[in-house]
Amino acid sequence: MGKLSQIDVRLEKGALFGVGQVRGSFERVRGGIQFSTKSPSKTVGSVHLDARALHFGYHKVDGDAHQPIWLNSMKYPKIVFQLEGLRNAHWKGDVLNADAFGSLLLKNKTSPITLPVTIKYLRNGRKKYDRKPGDLITLKGQLSLSRGNFGINPGSMLDVIQDGVVVNVTLVGCSSGKRPLLPSRLFI
């Protein structure tokens, strides 16, 4: 994953805590994606996060988020999304819309998930990113999770932080060489 890859987390406040949101992000995103322009359904990969690297920008919230009742990040530091493929893939120019499916490991619980994604493929686009030859790919998506389903303070403190967690995903990846041209109406 490139330096511009980002995973952001948004928590909705409950009535007791006031109206609004608490936003956080992970310091570093690792992993890799094997993407084929000819067979996008065969796309596989993984994204690895360190739960201890999730920060909200408020000292109290940062500390609470890593406690055993919440993320228990000292005991379960690994968060892994294993991408198993893409469904309902369709190209619109150089943009692919699809549903990414796989499994999410969070707090030692694995659950199947699906999220709609937009993948933009830029042939020879890496040069603008880091001045090296190759292609550039960006993947963007949004996922809603229930913190209770993953054992993150389930059923408690809902008047402070609601059960729903919104995760925004932006991944940037590069290849070391140019790939074939994308399918286009010109060639079909």
Protein backbone atom coordinates (compact mmCIF):
# COMPACT_ATOMS: atom_id res chain seq x y z
CA MET A 1 0.00 0.00 0.00
CA GLY A 2 1.17 3.51 -0.72
CA LYS A 3 1.75 6.31 1.76
CA LEU A 4 -1.56 7.91 0.80
CA SER A 5 -3.58 4.86 1.88
CA GLN A 6 -5.94 5.73 4.68
CA ILE A 7 -8.53 4.04 6.88
CA ASP A 8 -10.82 6.44 8.77
CA VAL A 9 -13.33 5.54 11.48
CA ARG A 10 -16.42 7.55 12.38
CA LEU A 11 -18.42 6.95 15.55
CA GLU A 12 -21.84 8.53 16.04
CA LYS A 13 -22.30 10.09 19.45
CA GLY A 14 -25.27 9.12 21.60
CA ALA A 15 -27.76 11.58 23.13
CA LEU A 16 -25.81 11.88 26.40
CA PHE A 17 -22.55 12.89 24.68
CA GLY A 18 -24.11 15.53 22.42
CA VAL A 19 -24.86 15.58 18.74
CA GLY A 20 -22.08 14.85 16.28
CA GLN A 21 -19.33 12.40 15.53
CA VAL A 22 -15.98 11.23 16.79
CA ARG A 23 -13.50 10.64 13.97
CA GLY A 24 -10.32 8.64 14.06
CA SER A 25 -7.77 7.16 11.70
CA PHE A 26 -5.05 4.55 11.55
CA GLU A 27 -1.47 5.79 11.29
CA ARG A 28 -0.37 3.15 8.82
CA VAL A 29 -2.01 0.78 6.35
CA ARG A 30 -0.17 -2.32 5.13
CA GLY A 31 -1.02 -5.09 2.72
CA GLY A 32 -1.29 -5.81 -0.96
CA ILE A 33 -3.85 -6.34 -3.68
CA GLN A 34 -3.51 -8.48 -6.80
CA PHE A 35 -5.71 -6.75 -9.38
CA SER A 36 -6.32 -7.83 -12.96
CA THR A 37 -7.96 -5.44 -15.42
CA LYS A 38 -9.05 -8.43 -17.53
CA SER A 39 -10.56 -10.44 -14.65
CA PRO A 40 -11.46 -8.04 -11.82
CA SER A 41 -13.56 -10.75 -10.12
CA LYS A 42 -10.31 -12.61 -9.38
CA THR A 43 -8.93 -9.69 -7.37
CA VAL A 44 -7.50 -10.85 -4.04
CA GLY A 45 -5.43 -9.30 -1.30
CA SER A 46 -5.27 -8.27 2.31
CA VAL A 47 -5.17 -5.11 4.40
CA HIS A 48 -3.38 -5.18 7.75
CA LEU A 49 -3.88 -2.62 10.51
CA ASP A 50 -2.47 -2.31 14.01
CA ALA A 51 -5.35 -1.61 16.41
CA ARG A 52 -2.90 0.28 18.66
CA ALA A 53 -2.39 2.80 15.84
CA LEU A 54 -6.01 4.03 15.84
CA HIS A 55 -6.11 7.62 17.07
CA PHE A 56 -9.03 10.01 17.48
CA GLY A 57 -7.13 13.17 18.36
CA TYR A 58 -8.56 13.39 21.88
CA HIS A 59 -6.34 11.98 24.61
CA LYS A 60 -9.25 10.59 26.67
CA VAL A 61 -10.94 8.96 23.65
CA ASP A 62 -7.61 7.52 22.43
CA GLY A 63 -7.00 5.93 25.83
CA ASP A 64 -10.55 4.60 26.22
CA ALA A 65 -10.64 3.13 22.70
CA HIS A 66 -7.76 0.76 23.49
CA GLN A 67 -9.12 -0.51 26.83
CA PRO A 68 -10.12 -4.21 27.14
CA ILE A 69 -13.86 -3.49 26.98
CA TRP A 70 -13.43 -1.58 23.70
CA LEU A 71 -10.71 -2.70 21.24
CA ASN A 72 -8.45 -4.47 23.77
CA SER A 73 -5.65 -3.53 21.40
CA MET A 74 -2.84 -4.77 23.63
CA LYS A 75 -4.26 -8.31 23.55
CA TYR A 76 -5.64 -8.16 19.98
CA PRO A 77 -3.45 -5.74 17.99
CA LYS A 78 -4.21 -7.28 14.58
CA ILE A 79 -7.02 -6.09 12.34
CA VAL A 80 -7.02 -7.87 8.98
CA PHE A 81 -9.34 -7.69 5.99
CA GLN A 82 -8.82 -10.64 3.65
CA LEU A 83 -10.15 -9.69 0.20
CA GLU A 84 -11.49 -12.79 -1.55
CA GLY A 85 -12.84 -11.18 -4.71
CA LEU A 86 -15.07 -8.64 -6.43
CA ARG A 87 -18.71 -9.15 -7.45
CA ASN A 88 -20.98 -7.13 -9.73
CA ALA A 89 -17.97 -5.50 -11.36
CA HIS A 90 -18.59 -3.07 -14.21
CA TRP A 91 -16.30 -0.55 -15.90
CA LYS A 92 -17.18 3.09 -16.59
CA GLY A 93 -14.16 4.46 -18.42
CA ASP A 94 -11.13 3.93 -16.19
CA VAL A 95 -13.29 3.40 -13.08
CA LEU A 96 -14.49 -0.01 -11.88
CA ASN A 97 -17.48 -0.21 -9.54
CA ALA A 98 -17.84 -3.48 -7.64
CA ASP A 99 -18.70 -5.15 -4.35
CA ALA A 100 -15.56 -6.30 -2.52
CA PHE A 101 -16.13 -9.36 -0.35
CA GLY A 102 -14.01 -11.16 2.18
CA SER A 103 -13.52 -11.56 5.91
CA LEU A 104 -12.64 -9.10 8.65
CA LEU A 105 -10.64 -10.13 11.71
CA LEU A 106 -11.20 -7.67 14.55
CA LYS A 107 -10.73 -8.31 18.27
CA ASN A 108 -10.07 -11.99 17.49
CA LYS A 109 -13.48 -12.38 15.78
CA THR A 110 -13.78 -13.09 12.07
CA SER A 111 -16.86 -12.05 10.14
CA PRO A 112 -17.73 -12.05 6.43
CA ILE A 113 -18.21 -8.57 5.00
CA THR A 114 -19.07 -6.95 1.69
CA LEU A 115 -18.52 -3.33 0.81
CA PRO A 116 -19.14 -1.35 -2.36
CA VAL A 117 -15.89 -0.03 -3.83
CA THR A 118 -14.77 2.24 -6.62
CA ILE A 119 -11.44 1.33 -8.17
CA LYS A 120 -9.63 3.78 -10.41
CA TYR A 121 -6.86 2.41 -12.57
CA LEU A 122 -4.29 4.83 -13.98
CA ARG A 123 -2.06 3.23 -16.55
CA ASN A 124 1.47 4.62 -16.05
CA GLY A 125 0.07 6.87 -13.27
CA ARG A 126 2.75 5.94 -10.75
CA LYS A 127 5.15 8.47 -12.30
CA LYS A 128 3.06 11.36 -10.90
CA TYR A 129 2.88 9.66 -7.50
CA ASP A 130 6.52 8.78 -6.77
CA ARG A 131 8.38 9.36 -10.08
CA LYS A 132 8.82 5.64 -10.78
CA PRO A 133 7.50 3.74 -13.80
CA GLY A 134 4.34 1.72 -13.28
CA ASP A 135 0.61 1.89 -12.88
CA LEU A 136 -1.40 3.41 -10.04
CA ILE A 137 -4.61 2.06 -8.56
CA THR A 138 -6.90 3.66 -5.99
CA LEU A 139 -9.65 1.82 -4.15
CA LYS A 140 -12.31 3.71 -2.20
CA GLY A 141 -15.18 2.32 -0.20
CA GLN A 142 -17.32 2.74 2.88
CA LEU A 143 -18.42 0.10 5.34
CA SER A 144 -20.84 0.20 8.27
CA LEU A 145 -20.16 -2.14 11.17
CA SER A 146 -21.87 -2.92 14.45
CA ARG A 147 -19.39 -2.64 17.31
CA GLY A 148 -21.51 -5.13 19.25
CA ASN A 149 -21.00 -7.83 16.60
CA PHE A 150 -17.25 -7.68 17.22
CA GLY A 151 -17.44 -7.58 21.02
CA ILE A 152 -16.53 -3.90 21.21
CA ASN A 153 -18.37 -2.82 24.38
CA PRO A 154 -21.53 -4.60 23.16
CA GLY A 155 -24.85 -3.17 24.33
CA SER A 156 -23.14 -0.71 26.67
CA MET A 157 -22.73 3.05 26.62
CA LEU A 158 -25.12 3.41 23.67
CA ASP A 159 -26.21 6.76 25.11
CA VAL A 160 -22.59 7.94 24.70
CA ILE A 161 -21.45 6.18 21.49
CA GLN A 162 -23.97 4.49 19.19
CA ASP A 163 -23.52 0.90 17.98
CA GLY A 164 -22.84 1.84 14.37
CA VAL A 165 -19.28 2.44 13.19
CA VAL A 166 -18.60 3.85 9.72
CA VAL A 167 -15.26 2.92 8.16
CA ASN A 168 -13.99 4.87 5.14
CA VAL A 169 -11.33 3.09 3.12
CA THR A 170 -8.91 4.74 0.69
CA LEU A 171 -6.14 2.50 -0.61
CA VAL A 172 -3.43 3.54 -3.04
CA GLY A 173 -1.24 0.94 -4.71
CA CYS A 174 1.42 0.87 -7.39
CA SER A 175 2.75 -1.70 -9.83
CA SER A 176 6.36 -1.97 -10.90
CA GLY A 177 5.44 -2.07 -14.60
CA LYS A 178 2.73 -1.04 -17.04
CA ARG A 179 -0.21 -3.38 -17.52
CA PRO A 180 -2.28 -3.85 -20.68
CA LEU A 181 -4.80 -1.19 -21.59
CA LEU A 182 -8.15 -1.29 -19.84
CA PRO A 183 -11.22 -2.59 -21.63
CA SER A 184 -12.82 0.31 -23.43
CA ARG A 185 -15.77 0.86 -25.77
CA LEU A 186 -13.23 1.57 -28.51
CA PHE A 187 -11.95 -2.00 -28.43
CA ILE A 188 -15.16 -3.90 -27.63
